[in-house]
Amino acid sequence: MLFAGVVIASCGGRKAPVPSNQEELDRELEYLYRDSTIYGICGEESAANTLHLITDNGENLMLNTFTATENHNVFGHFDDGDRIAVITNESRTEAEIIINLSMLMGDWVMPNPLDGTSYMGFSIKDGGIAESLNQSSIIYKTWQLQNGRLQIVSVREGGGDFEEEEVFQFLKLTGDSLILQGNDEIYEYSRPGMAEDYDDINLDDEEEDFEDLVI
């Protein structure tokens, strides 16, 4: 009974204090998983090293693009009126990742790995809608950006309503080329109208540039 009393007194029904290093870890994890993407329209005051972003909240941000450019994190050039997604530093003075959403929209295809003669891919649409192109086994449903990465939700044929979420890192985005890094593969897409030129694109020539980008 004396032992039990000591245990009860020592616990007192209170929580043990969380170590400060655990609190810091929790904050880092929260920051890691919290989407910090800022959306807006490219303004007319944008220049070679400056992105003028008119945010969806009506703010006017003048962002230095040096960091994003040096780290090869500018995906699609930006023009006045383009819809842009940006990851910035804490003070929101520098752009760390720039993604041209206007350029990302639309259909993207690659040769079907099963026969090499047909094309398959997906379509990125407004409102977070994703659709499959020439794929019956995978049905794409939605897409979103998460801290500069592309997330696509899909269901597989025969898999019931079970949804799979794939996360891709951008490696390249132009008007007719999209290159994504998956968990263990690099996927290279082109526009359907450029499909006949797909074989002329040699990813091996760009491997050296991608070595510092691929995780």
C-alpha atoms as a PDB file:
ATOM      1  CA  MET A   1       0.000   0.000   0.000  1.00  0.00           C
ATOM      2  CA  LEU A   2       2.867   2.343   0.821  1.00  0.00           C
ATOM      3  CA  PHE A   3       4.424   1.602  -2.584  1.00  0.00           C
ATOM      4  CA  ALA A   4       1.128   2.261  -4.322  1.00  0.00           C
ATOM      5  CA  GLY A   5       0.809   5.560  -2.508  1.00  0.00           C
ATOM      6  CA  VAL A   6       4.271   6.602  -3.632  1.00  0.00           C
ATOM      7  CA  VAL A   7       3.437   5.716  -7.251  1.00  0.00           C
ATOM      8  CA  ILE A   8       0.162   7.655  -7.135  1.00  0.00           C
ATOM      9  CA  ALA A   9       1.831  10.656  -5.539  1.00  0.00           C
ATOM     10  CA  SER A  10       4.651  10.663  -8.049  1.00  0.00           C
ATOM     11  CA  CYS A  11       2.297  10.478 -11.037  1.00  0.00           C
ATOM     12  CA  GLY A  12      -0.370  12.751  -9.646  1.00  0.00           C
ATOM     13  CA  GLY A  13      -2.374  12.281 -12.850  1.00  0.00           C
ATOM     14  CA  ARG A  14      -0.161  14.864 -14.515  1.00  0.00           C
ATOM     15  CA  LYS A  15       1.607  14.700 -17.872  1.00  0.00           C
ATOM     16  CA  ALA A  16       5.363  14.591 -17.856  1.00  0.00           C
ATOM     17  CA  PRO A  17       6.805  17.727 -19.431  1.00  0.00           C
ATOM     18  CA  VAL A  18       7.741  17.344 -23.120  1.00  0.00           C
ATOM     19  CA  PRO A  19      11.443  17.862 -23.749  1.00  0.00           C
ATOM     20  CA  SER A  20      12.224  21.018 -25.699  1.00  0.00           C
ATOM     21  CA  ASN A  21      13.933  19.019 -28.434  1.00  0.00           C
ATOM     22  CA  GLN A  22      10.688  17.041 -28.946  1.00  0.00           C
ATOM     23  CA  GLU A  23       8.770  20.295 -29.262  1.00  0.00           C
ATOM     24  CA  GLU A  24      11.209  21.471 -31.910  1.00  0.00           C
ATOM     25  CA  LEU A  25      10.849  18.174 -33.756  1.00  0.00           C
ATOM     26  CA  ASP A  26       7.059  18.474 -33.678  1.00  0.00           C
ATOM     27  CA  ARG A  27       7.275  21.987 -35.101  1.00  0.00           C
ATOM     28  CA  GLU A  28       9.584  20.809 -37.886  1.00  0.00           C
ATOM     29  CA  LEU A  29       7.255  17.934 -38.762  1.00  0.00           C
ATOM     30  CA  GLU A  30       4.255  20.248 -38.770  1.00  0.00           C
ATOM     31  CA  TYR A  31       6.079  22.646 -41.097  1.00  0.00           C
ATOM     32  CA  LEU A  32       7.124  19.763 -43.336  1.00  0.00           C
ATOM     33  CA  TYR A  33       3.566  18.503 -43.849  1.00  0.00           C
ATOM     34  CA  ARG A  34       1.792  21.864 -43.857  1.00  0.00           C
ATOM     35  CA  ASP A  35       1.333  23.133 -47.383  1.00  0.00           C
ATOM     36  CA  SER A  36       2.930  26.550 -47.667  1.00  0.00           C
ATOM     37  CA  THR A  37       2.121  27.147 -51.343  1.00  0.00           C
ATOM     38  CA  ILE A  38       1.052  30.674 -52.272  1.00  0.00           C
ATOM     39  CA  TYR A  39      -1.187  31.006 -55.331  1.00  0.00           C
ATOM     40  CA  GLY A  40      -1.706  34.017 -57.507  1.00  0.00           C
ATOM     41  CA  ILE A  41      -1.345  35.718 -60.880  1.00  0.00           C
ATOM     42  CA  CYS A  42       1.890  36.962 -62.417  1.00  0.00           C
ATOM     43  CA  GLY A  43       1.769  40.756 -62.423  1.00  0.00           C
ATOM     44  CA  GLU A  44       2.998  43.183 -65.043  1.00  0.00           C
ATOM     45  CA  GLU A  45       5.918  44.377 -62.898  1.00  0.00           C
ATOM     46  CA  SER A  46       7.700  41.019 -63.146  1.00  0.00           C
ATOM     47  CA  ALA A  47      11.225  41.150 -64.537  1.00  0.00           C
ATOM     48  CA  ALA A  48      14.145  38.812 -65.215  1.00  0.00           C
ATOM     49  CA  ASN A  49      15.012  38.376 -61.522  1.00  0.00           C
ATOM     50  CA  THR A  50      11.724  39.459 -59.956  1.00  0.00           C
ATOM     51  CA  LEU A  51       8.311  37.850 -59.815  1.00  0.00           C
ATOM     52  CA  HIS A  52       5.429  40.210 -59.188  1.00  0.00           C
ATOM     53  CA  LEU A  53       2.768  37.961 -57.658  1.00  0.00           C
ATOM     54  CA  ILE A  54      -0.776  39.183 -57.101  1.00  0.00           C
ATOM     55  CA  THR A  55      -1.960  36.588 -54.593  1.00  0.00           C
ATOM     56  CA  ASP A  56      -5.454  35.146 -54.350  1.00  0.00           C
ATOM     57  CA  ASN A  57      -5.795  37.235 -51.173  1.00  0.00           C
ATOM     58  CA  GLY A  58      -5.121  40.430 -53.092  1.00  0.00           C
ATOM     59  CA  GLU A  59      -1.567  40.998 -51.856  1.00  0.00           C
ATOM     60  CA  ASN A  60       1.182  42.313 -54.111  1.00  0.00           C
ATOM     61  CA  LEU A  61       4.438  40.433 -53.526  1.00  0.00           C
ATOM     62  CA  MET A  62       7.706  41.358 -55.214  1.00  0.00           C
ATOM     63  CA  LEU A  63       9.756  38.155 -54.995  1.00  0.00           C
ATOM     64  CA  ASN A  64      13.428  37.822 -55.838  1.00  0.00           C
ATOM     65  CA  THR A  65      13.834  34.726 -58.031  1.00  0.00           C
ATOM     66  CA  PHE A  66      17.603  34.235 -57.604  1.00  0.00           C
ATOM     67  CA  THR A  67      17.318  31.325 -55.124  1.00  0.00           C
ATOM     68  CA  ALA A  68      14.749  29.458 -57.228  1.00  0.00           C
ATOM     69  CA  THR A  69      16.818  29.956 -60.371  1.00  0.00           C
ATOM     70  CA  GLU A  70      20.102  28.883 -58.769  1.00  0.00           C
ATOM     71  CA  ASN A  71      18.481  25.711 -57.389  1.00  0.00           C
ATOM     72  CA  HIS A  72      16.793  24.881 -60.730  1.00  0.00           C
ATOM     73  CA  ASN A  73      13.389  25.300 -59.115  1.00  0.00           C
ATOM     74  CA  VAL A  74      11.716  27.479 -61.731  1.00  0.00           C
ATOM     75  CA  PHE A  75       9.250  25.265 -63.578  1.00  0.00           C
ATOM     76  CA  GLY A  76       7.890  27.113 -66.570  1.00  0.00           C
ATOM     77  CA  HIS A  77       8.742  30.704 -67.433  1.00  0.00           C
ATOM     78  CA  PHE A  78       6.216  33.245 -66.196  1.00  0.00           C
ATOM     79  CA  ASP A  79       4.405  35.910 -68.173  1.00  0.00           C
ATOM     80  CA  ASP A  80       1.905  38.591 -67.244  1.00  0.00           C
ATOM     81  CA  GLY A  81      -1.437  36.944 -66.438  1.00  0.00           C
ATOM     82  CA  ASP A  82      -0.117  33.414 -65.872  1.00  0.00           C
ATOM     83  CA  ARG A  83      -1.401  31.560 -62.812  1.00  0.00           C
ATOM     84  CA  ILE A  84       1.565  30.811 -60.551  1.00  0.00           C
ATOM     85  CA  ALA A  85       2.218  28.678 -57.465  1.00  0.00           C
ATOM     86  CA  VAL A  86       5.140  29.757 -55.275  1.00  0.00           C
ATOM     87  CA  ILE A  87       7.005  28.580 -52.205  1.00  0.00           C
ATOM     88  CA  THR A  88       8.749  31.511 -50.507  1.00  0.00           C
ATOM     89  CA  ASN A  89      11.059  32.148 -47.587  1.00  0.00           C
ATOM     90  CA  GLU A  90       9.491  33.083 -44.241  1.00  0.00           C
ATOM     91  CA  SER A  91       9.651  36.814 -44.907  1.00  0.00           C
ATOM     92  CA  ARG A  92       8.063  36.306 -48.339  1.00  0.00           C
ATOM     93  CA  THR A  93      10.733  38.259 -50.137  1.00  0.00           C
ATOM     94  CA  GLU A  94      12.361  35.415 -52.086  1.00  0.00           C
ATOM     95  CA  ALA A  95      10.836  32.683 -54.223  1.00  0.00           C
ATOM     96  CA  GLU A  96      12.263  29.236 -53.491  1.00  0.00           C
ATOM     97  CA  ILE A  97      10.073  27.243 -55.903  1.00  0.00           C
ATOM     98  CA  ILE A  98       8.061  28.652 -58.828  1.00  0.00           C
ATOM     99  CA  ILE A  99       5.533  26.551 -60.763  1.00  0.00           C
ATOM    100  CA  ASN A 100       3.596  27.932 -63.718  1.00  0.00           C
ATOM    101  CA  LEU A 101       0.147  26.407 -63.254  1.00  0.00           C
ATOM    102  CA  SER A 102      -1.092  27.792 -66.573  1.00  0.00           C
ATOM    103  CA  MET A 103       1.658  25.794 -68.272  1.00  0.00           C
ATOM    104  CA  LEU A 104       0.976  22.681 -66.184  1.00  0.00           C
ATOM    105  CA  MET A 105      -2.688  22.489 -67.209  1.00  0.00           C
ATOM    106  CA  GLY A 106      -3.739  20.207 -70.011  1.00  0.00           C
ATOM    107  CA  ASP A 107      -2.890  16.773 -71.392  1.00  0.00           C
ATOM    108  CA  TRP A 108       0.430  14.986 -70.874  1.00  0.00           C
ATOM    109  CA  VAL A 109       1.354  11.681 -72.538  1.00  0.00           C
ATOM    110  CA  MET A 110       4.237   9.232 -72.808  1.00  0.00           C
ATOM    111  CA  PRO A 111       4.758   6.050 -74.873  1.00  0.00           C
ATOM    112  CA  ASN A 112       2.928   3.038 -73.509  1.00  0.00           C
ATOM    113  CA  PRO A 113       5.691   0.851 -72.008  1.00  0.00           C
ATOM    114  CA  LEU A 114       3.789  -2.328 -72.996  1.00  0.00           C
ATOM    115  CA  ASP A 115       3.939  -1.797 -76.749  1.00  0.00           C
ATOM    116  CA  GLY A 116       5.702   1.508 -77.432  1.00  0.00           C
ATOM    117  CA  THR A 117       3.331   2.334 -80.274  1.00  0.00           C
ATOM    118  CA  SER A 118       0.475   3.972 -78.367  1.00  0.00           C
ATOM    119  CA  TYR A 119       0.431   6.758 -75.805  1.00  0.00           C
ATOM    120  CA  MET A 120      -0.863   7.017 -72.264  1.00  0.00           C
ATOM    121  CA  GLY A 121      -0.913   9.710 -69.620  1.00  0.00           C
ATOM    122  CA  PHE A 122      -3.140  12.078 -67.691  1.00  0.00           C
ATOM    123  CA  SER A 123      -4.886  15.403 -67.892  1.00  0.00           C
ATOM    124  CA  ILE A 124      -4.520  18.210 -65.348  1.00  0.00           C
ATOM    125  CA  LYS A 125      -7.667  20.326 -65.124  1.00  0.00           C
ATOM    126  CA  ASP A 126      -8.978  23.278 -63.153  1.00  0.00           C
ATOM    127  CA  GLY A 127     -10.550  22.607 -59.779  1.00  0.00           C
ATOM    128  CA  GLY A 128      -8.084  19.870 -58.838  1.00  0.00           C
ATOM    129  CA  ILE A 129      -9.531  17.384 -61.342  1.00  0.00           C
ATOM    130  CA  ALA A 130      -7.249  14.777 -62.929  1.00  0.00           C
ATOM    131  CA  GLU A 131      -8.252  12.354 -65.686  1.00  0.00           C
ATOM    132  CA  SER A 132      -6.588   9.320 -67.261  1.00  0.00           C
ATOM    133  CA  LEU A 133      -5.656   9.290 -70.935  1.00  0.00           C
ATOM    134  CA  ASN A 134      -5.690   5.908 -72.714  1.00  0.00           C
ATOM    135  CA  GLN A 135      -5.413   4.061 -69.406  1.00  0.00           C
ATOM    136  CA  SER A 136      -8.053   1.593 -68.309  1.00  0.00           C
ATOM    137  CA  SER A 137      -6.179   0.074 -65.374  1.00  0.00           C
ATOM    138  CA  ILE A 138      -5.577   3.377 -63.564  1.00  0.00           C
ATOM    139  CA  ILE A 139      -8.254   6.019 -63.062  1.00  0.00           C
ATOM    140  CA  TYR A 140      -6.852   9.394 -62.051  1.00  0.00           C
ATOM    141  CA  LYS A 141      -9.209  11.435 -59.899  1.00  0.00           C
ATOM    142  CA  THR A 142      -7.661  14.532 -58.301  1.00  0.00           C
ATOM    143  CA  TRP A 143      -4.433  16.489 -58.137  1.00  0.00           C
ATOM    144  CA  GLN A 144      -2.927  19.169 -55.919  1.00  0.00           C
ATOM    145  CA  LEU A 145       0.382  20.779 -55.056  1.00  0.00           C
ATOM    146  CA  GLN A 146       1.997  20.124 -51.695  1.00  0.00           C
ATOM    147  CA  ASN A 147       5.065  22.223 -50.876  1.00  0.00           C
ATOM    148  CA  GLY A 148       6.212  22.306 -54.474  1.00  0.00           C
ATOM    149  CA  ARG A 149       5.398  18.703 -55.335  1.00  0.00           C
ATOM    150  CA  LEU A 150       2.613  17.248 -57.443  1.00  0.00           C
ATOM    151  CA  GLN A 151       0.205  14.866 -55.711  1.00  0.00           C
ATOM    152  CA  ILE A 152      -2.154  12.747 -57.817  1.00  0.00           C
ATOM    153  CA  VAL A 153      -4.880  10.521 -56.376  1.00  0.00           C
ATOM    154  CA  SER A 154      -6.001   7.505 -58.399  1.00  0.00           C
ATOM    155  CA  VAL A 155      -7.814   4.167 -58.112  1.00  0.00           C
ATOM    156  CA  ARG A 156      -6.798   0.960 -59.851  1.00  0.00           C
ATOM    157  CA  GLU A 157      -9.079  -1.319 -61.810  1.00  0.00           C
ATOM    158  CA  GLY A 158     -10.382  -4.043 -59.522  1.00  0.00           C
ATOM    159  CA  GLY A 159      -9.176  -2.211 -56.441  1.00  0.00           C
ATOM    160  CA  GLY A 160     -12.600  -1.115 -55.296  1.00  0.00           C
ATOM    161  CA  ASP A 161     -12.727   2.401 -53.893  1.00  0.00           C
ATOM    162  CA  PHE A 162      -9.216   2.229 -52.463  1.00  0.00           C
ATOM    163  CA  GLU A 163      -7.380   5.425 -53.388  1.00  0.00           C
ATOM    164  CA  GLU A 164      -3.660   5.635 -54.030  1.00  0.00           C
ATOM    165  CA  GLU A 165      -1.726   8.853 -53.638  1.00  0.00           C
ATOM    166  CA  GLU A 166       1.416   9.395 -55.691  1.00  0.00           C
ATOM    167  CA  VAL A 167       3.811  12.256 -55.024  1.00  0.00           C
ATOM    168  CA  PHE A 168       6.105  13.587 -57.733  1.00  0.00           C
ATOM    169  CA  GLN A 169       8.967  16.057 -57.712  1.00  0.00           C
ATOM    170  CA  PHE A 170       9.143  18.450 -60.644  1.00  0.00           C
ATOM    171  CA  LEU A 171      12.321  18.197 -62.690  1.00  0.00           C
ATOM    172  CA  LYS A 172      11.267  20.126 -65.775  1.00  0.00           C
ATOM    173  CA  LEU A 173       8.234  22.006 -67.084  1.00  0.00           C
ATOM    174  CA  THR A 174       7.952  23.798 -70.417  1.00  0.00           C
ATOM    175  CA  GLY A 175       5.112  24.351 -72.823  1.00  0.00           C
ATOM    176  CA  ASP A 176       5.572  20.901 -74.354  1.00  0.00           C
ATOM    177  CA  SER A 177       7.639  18.913 -71.837  1.00  0.00           C
ATOM    178  CA  LEU A 178       6.996  17.671 -68.304  1.00  0.00           C
ATOM    179  CA  ILE A 179       9.508  15.541 -66.378  1.00  0.00           C
ATOM    180  CA  LEU A 180       8.587  14.172 -62.954  1.00  0.00           C
ATOM    181  CA  GLN A 181      10.544  12.185 -60.357  1.00  0.00           C
ATOM    182  CA  GLY A 182       8.532   9.453 -58.646  1.00  0.00           C
ATOM    183  CA  ASN A 183       9.614   7.158 -55.838  1.00  0.00           C
ATOM    184  CA  ASP A 184      11.937   5.127 -58.009  1.00  0.00           C
ATOM    185  CA  GLU A 185      11.399   6.307 -61.582  1.00  0.00           C
ATOM    186  CA  ILE A 186      11.621   9.365 -63.787  1.00  0.00           C
ATOM    187  CA  TYR A 187       8.578   9.976 -65.981  1.00  0.00           C
ATOM    188  CA  GLU A 188       8.942  12.053 -69.123  1.00  0.00           C
ATOM    189  CA  TYR A 189       5.802  13.433 -70.746  1.00  0.00           C
ATOM    190  CA  SER A 190       5.034  15.565 -73.766  1.00  0.00           C
ATOM    191  CA  ARG A 191       1.940  17.186 -75.213  1.00  0.00           C
ATOM    192  CA  PRO A 192      -0.185  14.908 -77.422  1.00  0.00           C
ATOM    193  CA  GLY A 193       0.561  17.122 -80.416  1.00  0.00           C
ATOM    194  CA  MET A 194       4.282  16.659 -79.800  1.00  0.00           C
ATOM    195  CA  ALA A 195       4.069  12.866 -79.467  1.00  0.00           C
ATOM    196  CA  GLU A 196       5.759  12.242 -82.792  1.00  0.00           C
ATOM    197  CA  ASP A 197       8.818  14.116 -81.513  1.00  0.00           C
ATOM    198  CA  TYR A 198       8.927  12.274 -78.204  1.00  0.00           C
ATOM    199  CA  ASP A 199      11.681   9.873 -79.235  1.00  0.00           C
ATOM    200  CA  ASP A 200      13.938  12.811 -80.085  1.00  0.00           C
ATOM    201  CA  ILE A 201      14.026  13.850 -76.413  1.00  0.00           C
ATOM    202  CA  ASN A 202      16.988  12.156 -74.744  1.00  0.00           C
ATOM    203  CA  LEU A 203      16.786  12.173 -70.970  1.00  0.00           C
ATOM    204  CA  ASP A 204      20.351  10.829 -70.729  1.00  0.00           C
ATOM    205  CA  ASP A 205      21.664  14.173 -71.978  1.00  0.00           C
ATOM    206  CA  GLU A 206      20.122  15.858 -68.936  1.00  0.00           C
ATOM    207  CA  GLU A 207      21.000  13.289 -66.271  1.00  0.00           C
ATOM    208  CA  GLU A 208      23.981  15.313 -65.106  1.00  0.00           C
ATOM    209  CA  ASP A 209      21.780  18.340 -64.493  1.00  0.00           C
ATOM    210  CA  PHE A 210      19.231  16.207 -62.611  1.00  0.00           C
ATOM    211  CA  GLU A 211      21.725  14.541 -60.269  1.00  0.00           C
ATOM    212  CA  ASP A 212      21.521  17.425 -57.813  1.00  0.00           C
ATOM    213  CA  LEU A 213      17.724  17.560 -58.017  1.00  0.00           C
ATOM    214  CA  VAL A 214      16.587  13.957 -57.769  1.00  0.00           C
ATOM    215  CA  ILE A 215      15.858  12.686 -54.261  1.00  0.00           C
END
